[in-house]
PDB file of N, CA and C in Angstrom:
ATOM      1  N   UNK A   1      -1.007 -91.838 -52.180  1.00  0.00           N
ATOM      2  CA  UNK A   1      -2.353 -92.148 -52.625  1.00  0.00           C
ATOM      3  C   UNK A   1      -3.240 -92.312 -51.387  1.00  0.00           C
ATOM      4  N   UNK A   2      -4.408 -91.743 -51.462  1.00  0.00           N
ATOM      5  CA  UNK A   2      -5.401 -91.891 -50.409  1.00  0.00           C
ATOM      6  C   UNK A   2      -6.387 -92.974 -50.822  1.00  0.00           C
ATOM      7  N   UNK A   3      -6.580 -93.948 -49.964  1.00  0.00           N
ATOM      8  CA  UNK A   3      -7.496 -95.038 -50.257  1.00  0.00           C
ATOM      9  C   UNK A   3      -8.928 -94.660 -49.904  1.00  0.00           C
ATOM     10  N   UNK A   4      -9.868 -95.154 -50.690  1.00  0.00           N
ATOM     11  CA  UNK A   4     -11.276 -95.000 -50.345  1.00  0.00           C
ATOM     12  C   UNK A   4     -11.535 -95.797 -49.064  1.00  0.00           C
ATOM     13  N   UNK A   5     -12.640 -95.523 -48.405  1.00  0.00           N
ATOM     14  CA  UNK A   5     -12.977 -96.255 -47.178  1.00  0.00           C
ATOM     15  C   UNK A   5     -13.070 -97.765 -47.442  1.00  0.00           C
ATOM     16  N   UNK A   6     -13.673 -98.117 -48.570  1.00  0.00           N
ATOM     17  CA  UNK A   6     -13.826 -99.531 -48.928  1.00  0.00           C
ATOM     18  C   UNK A   6     -12.454-100.181 -49.173  1.00  0.00           C
ATOM     19  N   UNK A   7     -11.574 -99.468 -49.861  1.00  0.00           N
ATOM     20  CA  UNK A   7     -10.236 -99.990 -50.122  1.00  0.00           C
ATOM     21  C   UNK A   7      -9.448-100.118 -48.821  1.00  0.00           C
ATOM     22  N   UNK A   8      -9.595 -99.147 -47.928  1.00  0.00           N
ATOM     23  CA  UNK A   8      -8.871 -99.201 -46.659  1.00  0.00           C
ATOM     24  C   UNK A   8      -9.332-100.389 -45.813  1.00  0.00           C
ATOM     25  N   UNK A   9     -10.638-100.626 -45.810  1.00  0.00           N
ATOM     26  CA  UNK A   9     -11.160-101.769 -45.059  1.00  0.00           C
ATOM     27  C   UNK A   9     -10.592-103.074 -45.615  1.00  0.00           C
ATOM     28  N   UNK A  10     -10.526-103.180 -46.934  1.00  0.00           N
ATOM     29  CA  UNK A  10      -9.949-104.350 -47.598  1.00  0.00           C
ATOM     30  C   UNK A  10      -8.481-104.513 -47.194  1.00  0.00           C
ATOM     31  N   UNK A  11      -7.725-103.425 -47.214  1.00  0.00           N
ATOM     32  CA  UNK A  11      -6.303-103.475 -46.887  1.00  0.00           C
ATOM     33  C   UNK A  11      -6.057-103.790 -45.411  1.00  0.00           C
ATOM     34  N   UNK A  12      -6.992-103.445 -44.555  1.00  0.00           N
ATOM     35  CA  UNK A  12      -6.855-103.747 -43.130  1.00  0.00           C
ATOM     36  C   UNK A  12      -6.740-105.252 -42.872  1.00  0.00           C
ATOM     37  N   UNK A  13      -7.271-106.061 -43.793  1.00  0.00           N
ATOM     38  CA  UNK A  13      -7.204-107.519 -43.662  1.00  0.00           C
ATOM     39  C   UNK A  13      -5.905-108.098 -44.224  1.00  0.00           C
ATOM     40  N   UNK A  14      -4.990-107.233 -44.645  1.00  0.00           N
ATOM     41  CA  UNK A  14      -3.659-107.623 -45.120  1.00  0.00           C
ATOM     42  C   UNK A  14      -3.683-108.610 -46.294  1.00  0.00           C
ATOM     43  N   UNK A  15      -4.284-108.208 -47.426  1.00  0.00           N
ATOM     44  CA  UNK A  15      -4.302-109.090 -48.590  1.00  0.00           C
ATOM     45  C   UNK A  15      -2.900-109.214 -49.199  1.00  0.00           C
ATOM     46  N   UNK A  16      -2.693-110.258 -49.959  1.00  0.00           N
ATOM     47  CA  UNK A  16      -1.413-110.475 -50.628  1.00  0.00           C
ATOM     48  C   UNK A  16      -1.388-109.729 -51.951  1.00  0.00           C
ATOM     49  N   UNK A  17      -0.373-108.882 -52.134  1.00  0.00           N
ATOM     50  CA  UNK A  17      -0.162-108.188 -53.402  1.00  0.00           C
ATOM     51  C   UNK A  17       0.426-109.193 -54.380  1.00  0.00           C
ATOM     52  N   UNK A  18      -0.252-109.401 -55.503  1.00  0.00           N
ATOM     53  CA  UNK A  18       0.192-110.391 -56.478  1.00  0.00           C
ATOM     54  C   UNK A  18       0.889-109.770 -57.670  1.00  0.00           C
ATOM     55  N   UNK A  19       0.638-108.494 -57.920  1.00  0.00           N
ATOM     56  CA  UNK A  19       1.262-107.828 -59.057  1.00  0.00           C
ATOM     57  C   UNK A  19       0.767-106.410 -59.173  1.00  0.00           C
ATOM     58  N   UNK A  20       1.413-105.667 -60.076  1.00  0.00           N
ATOM     59  CA  UNK A  20       0.962-104.303 -60.341  1.00  0.00           C
ATOM     60  C   UNK A  20       1.366-103.897 -61.743  1.00  0.00           C
ATOM     61  N   UNK A  21       0.617-102.948 -62.272  1.00  0.00           N
ATOM     62  CA  UNK A  21       0.901-102.420 -63.601  1.00  0.00           C
ATOM     63  C   UNK A  21       0.325-101.022 -63.691  1.00  0.00           C
ATOM     64  N   UNK A  22       1.138-100.079 -64.121  1.00  0.00           N
ATOM     65  CA  UNK A  22       0.718 -98.691 -64.356  1.00  0.00           C
ATOM     66  C   UNK A  22      -0.035 -98.095 -63.166  1.00  0.00           C
ATOM     67  N   UNK A  23       0.415 -98.411 -61.974  1.00  0.00           N
ATOM     68  CA  UNK A  23      -0.213 -97.859 -60.776  1.00  0.00           C
ATOM     69  C   UNK A  23      -1.395 -98.648 -60.252  1.00  0.00           C
ATOM     70  N   UNK A  24      -1.862 -99.631 -61.001  1.00  0.00           N
ATOM     71  CA  UNK A  24      -2.937-100.512 -60.547  1.00  0.00           C
ATOM     72  C   UNK A  24      -2.304-101.660 -59.770  1.00  0.00           C
ATOM     73  N   UNK A  25      -2.844-101.982 -58.607  1.00  0.00           N
ATOM     74  CA  UNK A  25      -2.309-103.053 -57.780  1.00  0.00           C
ATOM     75  C   UNK A  25      -3.328-104.181 -57.703  1.00  0.00           C
ATOM     76  N   UNK A  26      -2.845-105.408 -57.881  1.00  0.00           N
ATOM     77  CA  UNK A  26      -3.696-106.582 -57.960  1.00  0.00           C
ATOM     78  C   UNK A  26      -3.484-107.445 -56.724  1.00  0.00           C
ATOM     79  N   UNK A  27      -4.583-107.716 -56.028  1.00  0.00           N
ATOM     80  CA  UNK A  27      -4.519-108.433 -54.756  1.00  0.00           C
ATOM     81  C   UNK A  27      -5.363-109.697 -54.766  1.00  0.00           C
ATOM     82  N   UNK A  28      -4.893-110.674 -53.976  1.00  0.00           N
ATOM     83  CA  UNK A  28      -5.681-111.857 -53.684  1.00  0.00           C
ATOM     84  C   UNK A  28      -6.625-111.494 -52.532  1.00  0.00           C
ATOM     85  N   UNK A  29      -7.822-112.046 -52.542  1.00  0.00           N
ATOM     86  CA  UNK A  29      -8.761-111.784 -51.450  1.00  0.00           C
ATOM     87  C   UNK A  29      -8.131-112.259 -50.142  1.00  0.00           C
ATOM     88  N   UNK A  30      -8.152-111.425 -49.084  1.00  0.00           N
ATOM     89  CA  UNK A  30      -7.448-111.776 -47.847  1.00  0.00           C
ATOM     90  C   UNK A  30      -8.024-112.969 -47.083  1.00  0.00           C
ATOM     91  N   UNK A  31      -9.274-113.308 -47.317  1.00  0.00           N
ATOM     92  CA  UNK A  31      -9.893-114.435 -46.612  1.00  0.00           C
ATOM     93  C   UNK A  31     -10.129-115.610 -47.559  1.00  0.00           C
ATOM     94  N   UNK A  32     -10.652-115.337 -48.735  1.00  0.00           N
ATOM     95  CA  UNK A  32     -11.000-116.401 -49.681  1.00  0.00           C
ATOM     96  C   UNK A  32      -9.818-116.865 -50.526  1.00  0.00           C
ATOM     97  N   UNK A  33      -8.757-116.088 -50.574  1.00  0.00           N
ATOM     98  CA  UNK A  33      -7.564-116.464 -51.339  1.00  0.00           C
ATOM     99  C   UNK A  33      -7.872-116.738 -52.796  1.00  0.00           C
ATOM    100  N   UNK A  34      -7.378-117.872 -53.288  1.00  0.00           N
ATOM    101  CA  UNK A  34      -7.574-118.190 -54.701  1.00  0.00           C
ATOM    102  C   UNK A  34      -8.958-118.764 -55.007  1.00  0.00           C
ATOM    103  N   UNK A  35      -9.844-118.719 -54.029  1.00  0.00           N
ATOM    104  CA  UNK A  35     -11.241-119.121 -54.242  1.00  0.00           C
ATOM    105  C   UNK A  35     -12.084-117.923 -54.679  1.00  0.00           C
ATOM    106  N   UNK A  36     -11.426-116.798 -54.950  1.00  0.00           N
ATOM    107  CA  UNK A  36     -12.104-115.561 -55.332  1.00  0.00           C
ATOM    108  C   UNK A  36     -11.328-114.905 -56.466  1.00  0.00           C
ATOM    109  N   UNK A  37     -12.016-114.154 -57.347  1.00  0.00           N
ATOM    110  CA  UNK A  37     -11.289-113.393 -58.366  1.00  0.00           C
ATOM    111  C   UNK A  37     -10.364-112.365 -57.696  1.00  0.00           C
ATOM    112  N   UNK A  38      -9.449-111.830 -58.477  1.00  0.00           N
ATOM    113  CA  UNK A  38      -8.518-110.827 -57.988  1.00  0.00           C
ATOM    114  C   UNK A  38      -9.225-109.494 -57.737  1.00  0.00           C
ATOM    115  N   UNK A  39      -8.679-108.731 -56.825  1.00  0.00           N
ATOM    116  CA  UNK A  39      -9.160-107.381 -56.537  1.00  0.00           C
ATOM    117  C   UNK A  39      -8.132-106.386 -57.039  1.00  0.00           C
ATOM    118  N   UNK A  40      -8.605-105.228 -57.470  1.00  0.00           N
ATOM    119  CA  UNK A  40      -7.737-104.198 -58.029  1.00  0.00           C
ATOM    120  C   UNK A  40      -7.927-102.905 -57.248  1.00  0.00           C
ATOM    121  N   UNK A  41      -6.816-102.265 -56.905  1.00  0.00           N
ATOM    122  CA  UNK A  41      -6.865-100.915 -56.354  1.00  0.00           C
ATOM    123  C   UNK A  41      -6.239 -99.997 -57.392  1.00  0.00           C
ATOM    124  N   UNK A  42      -7.008 -99.003 -57.802  1.00  0.00           N
ATOM    125  CA  UNK A  42      -6.585 -98.081 -58.848  1.00  0.00           C
ATOM    126  C   UNK A  42      -5.588 -97.054 -58.304  1.00  0.00           C
ATOM    127  N   UNK A  43      -4.919 -96.350 -59.212  1.00  0.00           N
ATOM    128  CA  UNK A  43      -4.008 -95.291 -58.769  1.00  0.00           C
ATOM    129  C   UNK A  43      -4.718 -94.201 -57.951  1.00  0.00           C
ATOM    130  N   UNK A  44      -6.035 -94.106 -58.094  1.00  0.00           N
ATOM    131  CA  UNK A  44      -6.806 -93.111 -57.334  1.00  0.00           C
ATOM    132  C   UNK A  44      -7.286 -93.648 -55.988  1.00  0.00           C
ATOM    133  N   UNK A  45      -6.948 -94.904 -55.673  1.00  0.00           N
ATOM    134  CA  UNK A  45      -7.285 -95.470 -54.369  1.00  0.00           C
ATOM    135  C   UNK A  45      -8.630 -96.150 -54.268  1.00  0.00           C
ATOM    136  N   UNK A  46      -9.261 -96.400 -55.418  1.00  0.00           N
ATOM    137  CA  UNK A  46     -10.553 -97.091 -55.407  1.00  0.00           C
ATOM    138  C   UNK A  46     -10.335 -98.581 -55.641  1.00  0.00           C
ATOM    139  N   UNK A  47     -11.220 -99.387 -55.072  1.00  0.00           N
ATOM    140  CA  UNK A  47     -11.100-100.843 -55.178  1.00  0.00           C
ATOM    141  C   UNK A  47     -12.255-101.418 -55.981  1.00  0.00           C
ATOM    142  N   UNK A  48     -11.952-102.502 -56.697  1.00  0.00           N
ATOM    143  CA  UNK A  48     -12.985-103.215 -57.446  1.00  0.00           C
ATOM    144  C   UNK A  48     -12.608-104.684 -57.528  1.00  0.00           C
ATOM    145  N   UNK A  49     -13.609-105.535 -57.500  1.00  0.00           N
ATOM    146  CA  UNK A  49     -13.382-106.955 -57.752  1.00  0.00           C
ATOM    147  C   UNK A  49     -13.328-107.149 -59.253  1.00  0.00           C
ATOM    148  N   UNK A  50     -12.319-107.843 -59.724  1.00  0.00           N
ATOM    149  CA  UNK A  50     -12.201-108.082 -61.163  1.00  0.00           C
ATOM    150  C   UNK A  50     -12.937-109.365 -61.535  1.00  0.00           C
ATOM    151  N   UNK A  51     -12.951-109.642 -62.818  1.00  0.00           N
ATOM    152  CA  UNK A  51     -13.490-110.903 -63.319  1.00  0.00           C
ATOM    153  C   UNK A  51     -12.358-111.883 -63.615  1.00  0.00           C
ATOM    154  N   UNK A  52     -11.151-111.557 -63.157  1.00  0.00           N
ATOM    155  CA  UNK A  52      -9.967-112.341 -63.478  1.00  0.00           C
ATOM    156  C   UNK A  52      -9.457-113.109 -62.267  1.00  0.00           C
ATOM    157  N   UNK A  53      -8.919-114.288 -62.540  1.00  0.00           N
ATOM    158  CA  UNK A  53      -8.368-115.152 -61.502  1.00  0.00           C
ATOM    159  C   UNK A  53      -6.848-115.227 -61.595  1.00  0.00           C
ATOM    160  N   UNK A  54      -6.273-114.805 -62.715  1.00  0.00           N
ATOM    161  CA  UNK A  54      -4.822-114.851 -62.944  1.00  0.00           C
ATOM    162  C   UNK A  54      -4.280-113.447 -63.178  1.00  0.00           C
ATOM    163  N   UNK A  55      -3.153-113.146 -62.555  1.00  0.00           N
ATOM    164  CA  UNK A  55      -2.543-111.819 -62.686  1.00  0.00           C
ATOM    165  C   UNK A  55      -2.187-111.517 -64.138  1.00  0.00           C
ATOM    166  N   UNK A  56      -1.623-112.481 -64.840  1.00  0.00           N
ATOM    167  CA  UNK A  56      -1.199-112.233 -66.222  1.00  0.00           C
ATOM    168  C   UNK A  56      -2.373-111.822 -67.107  1.00  0.00           C
ATOM    169  N   UNK A  57      -3.528-112.436 -66.919  1.00  0.00           N
ATOM    170  CA  UNK A  57      -4.718-112.068 -67.698  1.00  0.00           C
ATOM    171  C   UNK A  57      -5.178-110.658 -67.348  1.00  0.00           C
ATOM    172  N   UNK A  58      -5.116-110.313 -66.081  1.00  0.00           N
ATOM    173  CA  UNK A  58      -5.544-108.985 -65.634  1.00  0.00           C
ATOM    174  C   UNK A  58      -4.589-107.909 -66.126  1.00  0.00           C
ATOM    175  N   UNK A  59      -3.293-108.193 -66.143  1.00  0.00           N
ATOM    176  CA  UNK A  59      -2.316-107.221 -66.663  1.00  0.00           C
ATOM    177  C   UNK A  59      -2.566-106.990 -68.146  1.00  0.00           C
ATOM    178  N   UNK A  60      -2.786-108.058 -68.905  1.00  0.00           N
ATOM    179  CA  UNK A  60      -3.063-107.918 -70.341  1.00  0.00           C
ATOM    180  C   UNK A  60      -4.306-107.076 -70.582  1.00  0.00           C
ATOM    181  N   UNK A  61      -5.355-107.336 -69.828  1.00  0.00           N
ATOM    182  CA  UNK A  61      -6.602-106.571 -69.953  1.00  0.00           C
ATOM    183  C   UNK A  61      -6.336-105.093 -69.632  1.00  0.00           C
ATOM    184  N   UNK A  62      -5.580-104.834 -68.584  1.00  0.00           N
ATOM    185  CA  UNK A  62      -5.270-103.452 -68.183  1.00  0.00           C
ATOM    186  C   UNK A  62      -4.461-102.754 -69.272  1.00  0.00           C
ATOM    187  N   UNK A  63      -3.497-103.438 -69.850  1.00  0.00           N
ATOM    188  CA  UNK A  63      -2.686-102.874 -70.946  1.00  0.00           C
ATOM    189  C   UNK A  63      -3.576-102.494 -72.125  1.00  0.00           C
ATOM    190  N   UNK A  64      -4.490-103.393 -72.484  1.00  0.00           N
ATOM    191  CA  UNK A  64      -5.399-103.126 -73.607  1.00  0.00           C
ATOM    192  C   UNK A  64      -6.256-101.904 -73.325  1.00  0.00           C
ATOM    193  N   UNK A  65      -6.816-101.811 -72.107  1.00  0.00           N
ATOM    194  CA  UNK A  65      -7.682-100.702 -71.767  1.00  0.00           C
ATOM    195  C   UNK A  65      -6.932 -99.376 -71.738  1.00  0.00           C
ATOM    196  N   UNK A  66      -5.663 -99.420 -71.305  1.00  0.00           N
ATOM    197  CA  UNK A  66      -4.864 -98.203 -71.229  1.00  0.00           C
ATOM    198  C   UNK A  66      -4.178 -97.879 -72.557  1.00  0.00           C
ATOM    199  N   UNK A  67      -4.249 -98.821 -73.510  1.00  0.00           N
ATOM    200  CA  UNK A  67      -3.635 -98.599 -74.816  1.00  0.00           C
ATOM    201  C   UNK A  67      -2.116 -98.634 -74.771  1.00  0.00           C
ATOM    202  N   UNK A  68      -1.574 -99.498 -73.917  1.00  0.00           N
ATOM    203  CA  UNK A  68      -0.095 -99.576 -73.795  1.00  0.00           C
ATOM    204  C   UNK A  68       0.414-100.907 -74.259  1.00  0.00           C
TER     205      UNK A  68
END
């Protein structure tokens, strides 16, 4: 997978991988930690800040969106 420039910059700070589902990877913010919502890197290498603070909630949301 090739990361977008924004995703690569995020990964350069060595965030903690908290979980993954269906190719989506869920990370804690590398500086703010649990003081920030989780970040998601998609299977296509794009990054987005989620509205979720817990991995289990984000996995459930991802399952619903993917219909799995």
